[in-house]
């Protein structure tokens, strides 16, 4: 019998309701890490989708980023908040509708609150990682934002398997990711990485998604990226900043901490900065999802 991973690889082209990468999102991702990306270029990309543009403006005028007077154009928002922040707002606005979340509106909001908290936590960790100075903060942010894609794949397309995993996790008192390995011989990190690859995401992002619960499997060339996402996800869940209730928390992998050159006091500072950014992100999420 084929494993769930093998089934998903076979299914991925034929699942009509599987989220696809929108042109706006694809174009925004293409500007990541480009030093020559201009305000005019990013504004033109965002304006391709009037709904996303409206949500970006609403979020830019939210309490989290309020300025002296409301901004009324994408260009003005870019000039006020900067390229990175506006691109991130557009990424969130693009993904919020593109990626379905089963269940209530509350379930959708907690999923994206968690994803945004991990994205911000990842960027903060990357900034403090003295042993990994070449990390691209924008790619790290996107990897954090997408790291739980596999949970959506499992819930949306394989509900029987998802239910079996939850029953096993509750009976054994283990985290969902460990129950997935026992029941399915794979985990949601692997499924999320397959979807990211289907979307032609950079391998550094797919790899970080794949091993965010299993850092020991991180390939050497993407070890730093994987360490950042692993630590951010664990921190956000353990500190109850935006917990998805994935079960018993997996502790920080000491090898991940060492790989990034972080000290205990630095982790405490990262936690507080992430908590502050998560509060701000919740305001932005409410504004961009209306």
C-alpha atoms as a PDB file:
ATOM      1  CA  UNK A   1       0.000   0.000   0.000  1.00  0.00           C
ATOM      2  CA  UNK A   2       1.433   3.439  -0.921  1.00  0.00           C
ATOM      3  CA  UNK A   3       2.351   5.814   1.886  1.00  0.00           C
ATOM      4  CA  UNK A   4       0.515   9.108   2.330  1.00  0.00           C
ATOM      5  CA  UNK A   5       3.528  10.929   0.903  1.00  0.00           C
ATOM      6  CA  UNK A   6       3.390   8.770  -2.229  1.00  0.00           C
ATOM      7  CA  UNK A   7      -0.355   9.329  -2.524  1.00  0.00           C
ATOM      8  CA  UNK A   8       0.038  13.085  -2.204  1.00  0.00           C
ATOM      9  CA  UNK A   9       2.762  13.166  -4.861  1.00  0.00           C
ATOM     10  CA  UNK A  10       0.391  11.278  -7.166  1.00  0.00           C
ATOM     11  CA  UNK A  11      -2.590  13.462  -6.207  1.00  0.00           C
ATOM     12  CA  UNK A  12      -0.985  16.895  -6.256  1.00  0.00           C
ATOM     13  CA  UNK A  13      -1.620  17.645  -9.947  1.00  0.00           C
ATOM     14  CA  UNK A  14      -5.205  16.415  -9.828  1.00  0.00           C
ATOM     15  CA  UNK A  15      -6.513  18.074  -6.682  1.00  0.00           C
ATOM     16  CA  UNK A  16      -8.636  20.857  -8.157  1.00  0.00           C
ATOM     17  CA  UNK A  17      -9.180  22.576  -4.803  1.00  0.00           C
ATOM     18  CA  UNK A  18      -5.520  22.537  -3.835  1.00  0.00           C
ATOM     19  CA  UNK A  19      -4.385  26.142  -3.437  1.00  0.00           C
ATOM     20  CA  UNK A  20      -2.404  27.443  -6.386  1.00  0.00           C
ATOM     21  CA  UNK A  21       0.160  30.200  -6.437  1.00  0.00           C
ATOM     22  CA  UNK A  22      -1.483  33.433  -7.601  1.00  0.00           C
ATOM     23  CA  UNK A  23       0.389  35.648 -10.082  1.00  0.00           C
ATOM     24  CA  UNK A  24       0.628  38.399  -7.461  1.00  0.00           C
ATOM     25  CA  UNK A  25       2.132  36.049  -4.895  1.00  0.00           C
ATOM     26  CA  UNK A  26       4.515  34.527  -7.441  1.00  0.00           C
ATOM     27  CA  UNK A  27       5.724  37.963  -8.557  1.00  0.00           C
ATOM     28  CA  UNK A  28       6.178  39.155  -4.973  1.00  0.00           C
ATOM     29  CA  UNK A  29       8.213  36.064  -4.102  1.00  0.00           C
ATOM     30  CA  UNK A  30      10.384  36.679  -7.163  1.00  0.00           C
ATOM     31  CA  UNK A  31      11.402  40.055  -5.667  1.00  0.00           C
ATOM     32  CA  UNK A  32      12.653  38.484  -2.411  1.00  0.00           C
ATOM     33  CA  UNK A  33      16.344  39.040  -1.867  1.00  0.00           C
ATOM     34  CA  UNK A  34      16.626  41.328  -4.886  1.00  0.00           C
ATOM     35  CA  UNK A  35      18.479  44.485  -3.993  1.00  0.00           C
ATOM     36  CA  UNK A  36      17.267  46.181  -7.179  1.00  0.00           C
ATOM     37  CA  UNK A  37      13.544  45.668  -6.406  1.00  0.00           C
ATOM     38  CA  UNK A  38      12.000  49.131  -6.467  1.00  0.00           C
ATOM     39  CA  UNK A  39       9.019  50.758  -4.808  1.00  0.00           C
ATOM     40  CA  UNK A  40       7.418  51.263  -8.233  1.00  0.00           C
ATOM     41  CA  UNK A  41       7.870  47.582  -9.183  1.00  0.00           C
ATOM     42  CA  UNK A  42       6.364  46.195  -5.977  1.00  0.00           C
ATOM     43  CA  UNK A  43       3.510  48.721  -6.072  1.00  0.00           C
ATOM     44  CA  UNK A  44       2.726  47.673  -9.660  1.00  0.00           C
ATOM     45  CA  UNK A  45       2.633  43.996  -8.634  1.00  0.00           C
ATOM     46  CA  UNK A  46       0.264  44.629  -5.725  1.00  0.00           C
ATOM     47  CA  UNK A  47      -2.044  46.757  -7.893  1.00  0.00           C
ATOM     48  CA  UNK A  48      -2.603  43.745 -10.188  1.00  0.00           C
ATOM     49  CA  UNK A  49      -5.152  42.492  -7.646  1.00  0.00           C
ATOM     50  CA  UNK A  50      -7.533  45.220  -6.402  1.00  0.00           C
ATOM     51  CA  UNK A  51      -8.731  43.077  -3.474  1.00  0.00           C
ATOM     52  CA  UNK A  52      -5.196  42.487  -2.232  1.00  0.00           C
ATOM     53  CA  UNK A  53      -4.328  46.152  -2.786  1.00  0.00           C
ATOM     54  CA  UNK A  54      -7.353  47.231  -0.726  1.00  0.00           C
ATOM     55  CA  UNK A  55      -6.424  44.857   2.091  1.00  0.00           C
ATOM     56  CA  UNK A  56      -2.834  46.077   2.108  1.00  0.00           C
ATOM     57  CA  UNK A  57      -4.033  49.674   2.434  1.00  0.00           C
ATOM     58  CA  UNK A  58      -6.472  48.710   5.198  1.00  0.00           C
ATOM     59  CA  UNK A  59      -3.706  46.907   7.068  1.00  0.00           C
ATOM     60  CA  UNK A  60      -1.242  49.765   6.534  1.00  0.00           C
ATOM     61  CA  UNK A  61      -3.805  52.147   8.056  1.00  0.00           C
ATOM     62  CA  UNK A  62      -4.523  49.823  10.995  1.00  0.00           C
ATOM     63  CA  UNK A  63      -3.636  50.653  14.591  1.00  0.00           C
ATOM     64  CA  UNK A  64      -0.406  48.665  14.225  1.00  0.00           C
ATOM     65  CA  UNK A  65       1.040  51.102  11.672  1.00  0.00           C
ATOM     66  CA  UNK A  66      -1.018  54.259  12.165  1.00  0.00           C
ATOM     67  CA  UNK A  67       0.709  57.450  11.099  1.00  0.00           C
ATOM     68  CA  UNK A  68      -0.129  61.123  11.067  1.00  0.00           C
ATOM     69  CA  UNK A  69      -2.688  60.715   8.281  1.00  0.00           C
ATOM     70  CA  UNK A  70      -4.173  57.761   6.386  1.00  0.00           C
ATOM     71  CA  UNK A  71      -2.343  56.551   3.279  1.00  0.00           C
ATOM     72  CA  UNK A  72      -4.496  56.286   0.172  1.00  0.00           C
ATOM     73  CA  UNK A  73      -2.184  54.615  -2.343  1.00  0.00           C
ATOM     74  CA  UNK A  74       0.131  51.611  -2.416  1.00  0.00           C
ATOM     75  CA  UNK A  75       3.013  53.933  -3.288  1.00  0.00           C
ATOM     76  CA  UNK A  76       2.326  56.100  -0.217  1.00  0.00           C
ATOM     77  CA  UNK A  77       2.117  52.988   1.963  1.00  0.00           C
ATOM     78  CA  UNK A  78       5.437  51.767   0.574  1.00  0.00           C
ATOM     79  CA  UNK A  79       7.101  55.110   1.224  1.00  0.00           C
ATOM     80  CA  UNK A  80       5.767  55.245   4.787  1.00  0.00           C
ATOM     81  CA  UNK A  81       6.311  51.653   5.896  1.00  0.00           C
ATOM     82  CA  UNK A  82       9.056  50.486   3.573  1.00  0.00           C
ATOM     83  CA  UNK A  83       9.372  47.779   0.964  1.00  0.00           C
ATOM     84  CA  UNK A  84       9.748  44.832   3.349  1.00  0.00           C
ATOM     85  CA  UNK A  85       6.677  45.588   5.475  1.00  0.00           C
ATOM     86  CA  UNK A  86       4.366  46.266   2.539  1.00  0.00           C
ATOM     87  CA  UNK A  87       5.563  43.154   0.701  1.00  0.00           C
ATOM     88  CA  UNK A  88       4.856  41.128   3.846  1.00  0.00           C
ATOM     89  CA  UNK A  89       1.379  42.634   4.177  1.00  0.00           C
ATOM     90  CA  UNK A  90       0.712  41.712   0.543  1.00  0.00           C
ATOM     91  CA  UNK A  91       1.980  38.149   1.085  1.00  0.00           C
ATOM     92  CA  UNK A  92      -0.381  37.713   4.034  1.00  0.00           C
ATOM     93  CA  UNK A  93      -3.323  39.222   2.141  1.00  0.00           C
ATOM     94  CA  UNK A  94      -2.604  36.957  -0.862  1.00  0.00           C
ATOM     95  CA  UNK A  95      -2.317  33.781   1.208  1.00  0.00           C
ATOM     96  CA  UNK A  96      -5.271  34.403   3.512  1.00  0.00           C
ATOM     97  CA  UNK A  97      -7.826  33.612   0.821  1.00  0.00           C
ATOM     98  CA  UNK A  98      -5.659  31.371  -1.373  1.00  0.00           C
ATOM     99  CA  UNK A  99      -5.041  28.779   1.348  1.00  0.00           C
ATOM    100  CA  UNK A 100      -8.240  27.255   2.781  1.00  0.00           C
ATOM    101  CA  UNK A 101      -8.525  26.506   6.491  1.00  0.00           C
ATOM    102  CA  UNK A 102     -11.168  23.969   7.486  1.00  0.00           C
ATOM    103  CA  UNK A 103     -13.529  24.803  10.341  1.00  0.00           C
ATOM    104  CA  UNK A 104     -14.734  28.038  11.855  1.00  0.00           C
ATOM    105  CA  UNK A 105     -13.540  31.577  11.302  1.00  0.00           C
ATOM    106  CA  UNK A 106     -11.850  31.291  14.695  1.00  0.00           C
ATOM    107  CA  UNK A 107      -9.889  28.257  13.472  1.00  0.00           C
ATOM    108  CA  UNK A 108      -8.785  30.226  10.411  1.00  0.00           C
ATOM    109  CA  UNK A 109      -7.665  33.168  12.538  1.00  0.00           C
ATOM    110  CA  UNK A 110      -5.659  31.090  15.023  1.00  0.00           C
ATOM    111  CA  UNK A 111      -3.934  29.289  12.132  1.00  0.00           C
ATOM    112  CA  UNK A 112      -2.825  32.572  10.593  1.00  0.00           C
ATOM    113  CA  UNK A 113      -1.977  34.129  13.961  1.00  0.00           C
ATOM    114  CA  UNK A 114       0.328  31.186  14.612  1.00  0.00           C
ATOM    115  CA  UNK A 115       1.816  31.358  11.115  1.00  0.00           C
ATOM    116  CA  UNK A 116       2.422  35.098  11.380  1.00  0.00           C
ATOM    117  CA  UNK A 117       3.909  34.785  14.862  1.00  0.00           C
ATOM    118  CA  UNK A 118       6.345  32.138  13.613  1.00  0.00           C
ATOM    119  CA  UNK A 119       7.161  34.287  10.566  1.00  0.00           C
ATOM    120  CA  UNK A 120       7.988  37.286  12.751  1.00  0.00           C
ATOM    121  CA  UNK A 121       9.801  35.098  15.272  1.00  0.00           C
ATOM    122  CA  UNK A 122      11.867  33.610  12.453  1.00  0.00           C
ATOM    123  CA  UNK A 123      12.890  37.049  11.209  1.00  0.00           C
ATOM    124  CA  UNK A 124      13.820  38.104  14.756  1.00  0.00           C
ATOM    125  CA  UNK A 125      15.885  34.943  15.335  1.00  0.00           C
ATOM    126  CA  UNK A 126      17.670  35.475  12.014  1.00  0.00           C
ATOM    127  CA  UNK A 127      18.575  38.988  13.122  1.00  0.00           C
ATOM    128  CA  UNK A 128      20.085  37.702  16.390  1.00  0.00           C
ATOM    129  CA  UNK A 129      21.822  34.647  14.888  1.00  0.00           C
ATOM    130  CA  UNK A 130      25.470  35.655  15.118  1.00  0.00           C
ATOM    131  CA  UNK A 131      26.657  32.335  13.665  1.00  0.00           C
ATOM    132  CA  UNK A 132      24.455  32.689  10.576  1.00  0.00           C
ATOM    133  CA  UNK A 133      25.037  36.215   9.214  1.00  0.00           C
ATOM    134  CA  UNK A 134      23.950  35.550   5.614  1.00  0.00           C
ATOM    135  CA  UNK A 135      20.312  34.634   6.252  1.00  0.00           C
ATOM    136  CA  UNK A 136      17.850  36.465   4.004  1.00  0.00           C
ATOM    137  CA  UNK A 137      15.200  37.893   6.377  1.00  0.00           C
ATOM    138  CA  UNK A 138      12.495  38.016   3.685  1.00  0.00           C
ATOM    139  CA  UNK A 139      12.905  34.370   2.664  1.00  0.00           C
ATOM    140  CA  UNK A 140      13.039  33.405   6.338  1.00  0.00           C
ATOM    141  CA  UNK A 141       9.808  35.330   6.968  1.00  0.00           C
ATOM    142  CA  UNK A 142       8.066  33.547   4.081  1.00  0.00           C
ATOM    143  CA  UNK A 143       9.255  30.120   5.263  1.00  0.00           C
ATOM    144  CA  UNK A 144       7.847  30.878   8.707  1.00  0.00           C
ATOM    145  CA  UNK A 145       4.564  32.035   7.193  1.00  0.00           C
ATOM    146  CA  UNK A 146       4.211  28.805   5.183  1.00  0.00           C
ATOM    147  CA  UNK A 147       5.644  26.273   7.639  1.00  0.00           C
ATOM    148  CA  UNK A 148       2.248  24.725   8.572  1.00  0.00           C
ATOM    149  CA  UNK A 149       0.940  24.264   5.011  1.00  0.00           C
ATOM    150  CA  UNK A 150       1.049  20.504   5.509  1.00  0.00           C
ATOM    151  CA  UNK A 151      -1.519  20.681   8.309  1.00  0.00           C
ATOM    152  CA  UNK A 152      -3.959  22.224   5.838  1.00  0.00           C
ATOM    153  CA  UNK A 153      -3.188  19.553   3.237  1.00  0.00           C
ATOM    154  CA  UNK A 154      -3.835  16.820   5.808  1.00  0.00           C
ATOM    155  CA  UNK A 155      -7.062  18.347   7.166  1.00  0.00           C
ATOM    156  CA  UNK A 156      -8.488  19.349   3.781  1.00  0.00           C
ATOM    157  CA  UNK A 157      -7.658  16.346   1.611  1.00  0.00           C
ATOM    158  CA  UNK A 158      -7.057  13.413   3.946  1.00  0.00           C
ATOM    159  CA  UNK A 159      -9.591  13.899   6.777  1.00  0.00           C
ATOM    160  CA  UNK A 160      -9.721  10.198   7.749  1.00  0.00           C
ATOM    161  CA  UNK A 161      -5.965  10.105   8.180  1.00  0.00           C
ATOM    162  CA  UNK A 162      -6.029  13.406  10.114  1.00  0.00           C
ATOM    163  CA  UNK A 163      -8.680  12.004  12.445  1.00  0.00           C
ATOM    164  CA  UNK A 164      -6.654   8.814  13.027  1.00  0.00           C
ATOM    165  CA  UNK A 165      -3.596  10.909  13.907  1.00  0.00           C
ATOM    166  CA  UNK A 166      -5.532  12.979  16.440  1.00  0.00           C
ATOM    167  CA  UNK A 167      -6.994   9.869  18.056  1.00  0.00           C
ATOM    168  CA  UNK A 168      -3.538   8.291  18.342  1.00  0.00           C
ATOM    169  CA  UNK A 169      -2.007  11.504  19.751  1.00  0.00           C
ATOM    170  CA  UNK A 170      -4.728  11.769  22.405  1.00  0.00           C
ATOM    171  CA  UNK A 171      -4.500   8.090  23.355  1.00  0.00           C
ATOM    172  CA  UNK A 172      -0.705   8.101  23.627  1.00  0.00           C
ATOM    173  CA  UNK A 173      -0.303  11.663  24.916  1.00  0.00           C
ATOM    174  CA  UNK A 174       2.177  12.643  22.201  1.00  0.00           C
ATOM    175  CA  UNK A 175       2.537  15.584  19.855  1.00  0.00           C
ATOM    176  CA  UNK A 176       0.690  15.468  16.537  1.00  0.00           C
ATOM    177  CA  UNK A 177       3.934  15.391  14.547  1.00  0.00           C
ATOM    178  CA  UNK A 178       5.055  12.239  16.392  1.00  0.00           C
ATOM    179  CA  UNK A 179       1.626  10.652  15.964  1.00  0.00           C
ATOM    180  CA  UNK A 180       1.803  11.411  12.227  1.00  0.00           C
ATOM    181  CA  UNK A 181       5.056   9.502  11.917  1.00  0.00           C
ATOM    182  CA  UNK A 182       3.613   6.502  13.738  1.00  0.00           C
ATOM    183  CA  UNK A 183       0.274   6.416  11.904  1.00  0.00           C
ATOM    184  CA  UNK A 184       1.197   7.782   8.459  1.00  0.00           C
ATOM    185  CA  UNK A 185       4.974   7.192   8.196  1.00  0.00           C
ATOM    186  CA  UNK A 186       5.289  10.865   7.292  1.00  0.00           C
ATOM    187  CA  UNK A 187       4.422  14.222   8.870  1.00  0.00           C
ATOM    188  CA  UNK A 188       2.827  17.511   7.890  1.00  0.00           C
ATOM    189  CA  UNK A 189       6.268  19.046   7.371  1.00  0.00           C
ATOM    190  CA  UNK A 190       6.894  16.673   4.468  1.00  0.00           C
ATOM    191  CA  UNK A 191       3.468  17.362   2.936  1.00  0.00           C
ATOM    192  CA  UNK A 192       3.984  21.121   3.268  1.00  0.00           C
ATOM    193  CA  UNK A 193       7.396  20.883   1.622  1.00  0.00           C
ATOM    194  CA  UNK A 194       5.894  18.969  -1.303  1.00  0.00           C
ATOM    195  CA  UNK A 195       3.307  21.717  -1.791  1.00  0.00           C
ATOM    196  CA  UNK A 196       5.989  24.420  -1.530  1.00  0.00           C
ATOM    197  CA  UNK A 197       8.022  22.599  -4.190  1.00  0.00           C
ATOM    198  CA  UNK A 198       4.876  22.321  -6.341  1.00  0.00           C
ATOM    199  CA  UNK A 199       4.642  26.096  -6.029  1.00  0.00           C
ATOM    200  CA  UNK A 200       8.288  26.335  -7.196  1.00  0.00           C
ATOM    201  CA  UNK A 201       9.406  27.848  -3.903  1.00  0.00           C
ATOM    202  CA  UNK A 202      13.182  27.980  -3.316  1.00  0.00           C
ATOM    203  CA  UNK A 203      14.566  24.746  -1.874  1.00  0.00           C
ATOM    204  CA  UNK A 204      15.747  26.602   1.244  1.00  0.00           C
ATOM    205  CA  UNK A 205      12.086  27.357   2.078  1.00  0.00           C
ATOM    206  CA  UNK A 206      10.818  23.848   1.240  1.00  0.00           C
ATOM    207  CA  UNK A 207      13.604  22.287   3.297  1.00  0.00           C
ATOM    208  CA  UNK A 208      12.858  24.443   6.343  1.00  0.00           C
ATOM    209  CA  UNK A 209       9.167  23.505   6.113  1.00  0.00           C
ATOM    210  CA  UNK A 210      10.035  19.800   5.770  1.00  0.00           C
ATOM    211  CA  UNK A 211      12.122  19.560   8.953  1.00  0.00           C
ATOM    212  CA  UNK A 212      10.546  22.174  11.229  1.00  0.00           C
ATOM    213  CA  UNK A 213       9.708  19.376  13.708  1.00  0.00           C
ATOM    214  CA  UNK A 214      12.709  17.196  12.794  1.00  0.00           C
ATOM    215  CA  UNK A 215      15.723  19.475  12.727  1.00  0.00           C
ATOM    216  CA  UNK A 216      18.110  16.517  12.926  1.00  0.00           C
ATOM    217  CA  UNK A 217      17.214  15.755   9.286  1.00  0.00           C
ATOM    218  CA  UNK A 218      18.134  19.241   7.997  1.00  0.00           C
ATOM    219  CA  UNK A 219      20.563  19.110   5.037  1.00  0.00           C
ATOM    220  CA  UNK A 220      23.839  20.917   5.624  1.00  0.00           C
ATOM    221  CA  UNK A 221      23.232  23.537   2.916  1.00  0.00           C
ATOM    222  CA  UNK A 222      19.952  24.645   4.516  1.00  0.00           C
ATOM    223  CA  UNK A 223      20.789  23.953   8.147  1.00  0.00           C
ATOM    224  CA  UNK A 224      20.627  27.588   9.287  1.00  0.00           C
ATOM    225  CA  UNK A 225      17.238  28.238   7.683  1.00  0.00           C
ATOM    226  CA  UNK A 226      15.852  25.025   9.162  1.00  0.00           C
ATOM    227  CA  UNK A 227      17.193  25.900  12.620  1.00  0.00           C
ATOM    228  CA  UNK A 228      15.476  29.292  12.525  1.00  0.00           C
ATOM    229  CA  UNK A 229      12.034  27.912  11.613  1.00  0.00           C
ATOM    230  CA  UNK A 230      12.339  25.036  14.085  1.00  0.00           C
ATOM    231  CA  UNK A 231      13.184  27.379  16.954  1.00  0.00           C
ATOM    232  CA  UNK A 232      10.547  29.965  16.040  1.00  0.00           C
ATOM    233  CA  UNK A 233       7.784  27.353  15.803  1.00  0.00           C
ATOM    234  CA  UNK A 234       8.766  25.753  19.111  1.00  0.00           C
ATOM    235  CA  UNK A 235       9.082  29.109  20.859  1.00  0.00           C
ATOM    236  CA  UNK A 236       5.699  30.370  19.646  1.00  0.00           C
ATOM    237  CA  UNK A 237       3.998  27.148  20.771  1.00  0.00           C
ATOM    238  CA  UNK A 238       5.800  26.714  24.092  1.00  0.00           C
ATOM    239  CA  UNK A 239       5.348  30.323  25.150  1.00  0.00           C
ATOM    240  CA  UNK A 240       1.667  30.194  24.151  1.00  0.00           C
ATOM    241  CA  UNK A 241       2.119  33.230  21.931  1.00  0.00           C
ATOM    242  CA  UNK A 242      -0.086  31.641  19.254  1.00  0.00           C
ATOM    243  CA  UNK A 243      -0.382  27.923  19.950  1.00  0.00           C
ATOM    244  CA  UNK A 244      -2.084  25.626  17.406  1.00  0.00           C
ATOM    245  CA  UNK A 245      -2.513  22.925  20.052  1.00  0.00           C
ATOM    246  CA  UNK A 246      -0.306  20.445  18.262  1.00  0.00           C
ATOM    247  CA  UNK A 247       0.123  18.572  21.516  1.00  0.00           C
ATOM    248  CA  UNK A 248       3.087  18.004  23.791  1.00  0.00           C
ATOM    249  CA  UNK A 249       5.700  20.569  22.844  1.00  0.00           C
ATOM    250  CA  UNK A 250       8.977  19.478  21.337  1.00  0.00           C
ATOM    251  CA  UNK A 251      11.822  21.155  23.214  1.00  0.00           C
ATOM    252  CA  UNK A 252      14.432  23.322  21.543  1.00  0.00           C
ATOM    253  CA  UNK A 253      17.013  21.177  19.796  1.00  0.00           C
ATOM    254  CA  UNK A 254      20.318  22.205  21.372  1.00  0.00           C
ATOM    255  CA  UNK A 255      22.055  21.614  18.038  1.00  0.00           C
ATOM    256  CA  UNK A 256      19.749  24.172  16.410  1.00  0.00           C
ATOM    257  CA  UNK A 257      20.532  26.752  19.084  1.00  0.00           C
ATOM    258  CA  UNK A 258      24.252  26.081  18.690  1.00  0.00           C
ATOM    259  CA  UNK A 259      24.060  26.274  14.902  1.00  0.00           C
ATOM    260  CA  UNK A 260      22.738  29.833  15.181  1.00  0.00           C
ATOM    261  CA  UNK A 261      25.106  30.957  17.954  1.00  0.00           C
ATOM    262  CA  UNK A 262      22.317  31.910  20.362  1.00  0.00           C
ATOM    263  CA  UNK A 263      22.744  32.326  24.116  1.00  0.00           C
ATOM    264  CA  UNK A 264      19.990  31.669  26.710  1.00  0.00           C
ATOM    265  CA  UNK A 265      19.578  35.377  27.422  1.00  0.00           C
ATOM    266  CA  UNK A 266      19.274  36.014  23.677  1.00  0.00           C
ATOM    267  CA  UNK A 267      16.455  33.454  23.433  1.00  0.00           C
ATOM    268  CA  UNK A 268      14.624  35.307  26.219  1.00  0.00           C
ATOM    269  CA  UNK A 269      14.993  38.587  24.317  1.00  0.00           C
ATOM    270  CA  UNK A 270      13.792  36.914  21.110  1.00  0.00           C
ATOM    271  CA  UNK A 271      10.734  35.609  22.975  1.00  0.00           C
ATOM    272  CA  UNK A 272       9.731  39.080  24.151  1.00  0.00           C
ATOM    273  CA  UNK A 273      10.297  40.647  20.730  1.00  0.00           C
ATOM    274  CA  UNK A 274       8.242  37.879  19.104  1.00  0.00           C
ATOM    275  CA  UNK A 275       5.432  38.367  21.602  1.00  0.00           C
ATOM    276  CA  UNK A 276       5.327  42.094  20.779  1.00  0.00           C
ATOM    277  CA  UNK A 277       5.355  41.479  17.019  1.00  0.00           C
ATOM    278  CA  UNK A 278       2.636  38.814  17.375  1.00  0.00           C
ATOM    279  CA  UNK A 279       0.352  41.351  19.064  1.00  0.00           C
ATOM    280  CA  UNK A 280       0.956  43.803  16.244  1.00  0.00           C
ATOM    281  CA  UNK A 281       0.460  41.068  13.640  1.00  0.00           C
ATOM    282  CA  UNK A 282      -2.932  40.179  15.140  1.00  0.00           C
ATOM    283  CA  UNK A 283      -4.105  43.740  14.501  1.00  0.00           C
ATOM    284  CA  UNK A 284      -2.808  43.627  10.931  1.00  0.00           C
ATOM    285  CA  UNK A 285      -4.391  40.220  10.329  1.00  0.00           C
ATOM    286  CA  UNK A 286      -7.800  41.488  11.450  1.00  0.00           C
ATOM    287  CA  UNK A 287      -7.451  44.475   9.160  1.00  0.00           C
ATOM    288  CA  UNK A 288      -6.246  42.537   6.111  1.00  0.00           C
ATOM    289  CA  UNK A 289      -8.774  39.703   6.376  1.00  0.00           C
ATOM    290  CA  UNK A 290     -11.996  41.730   6.469  1.00  0.00           C
END
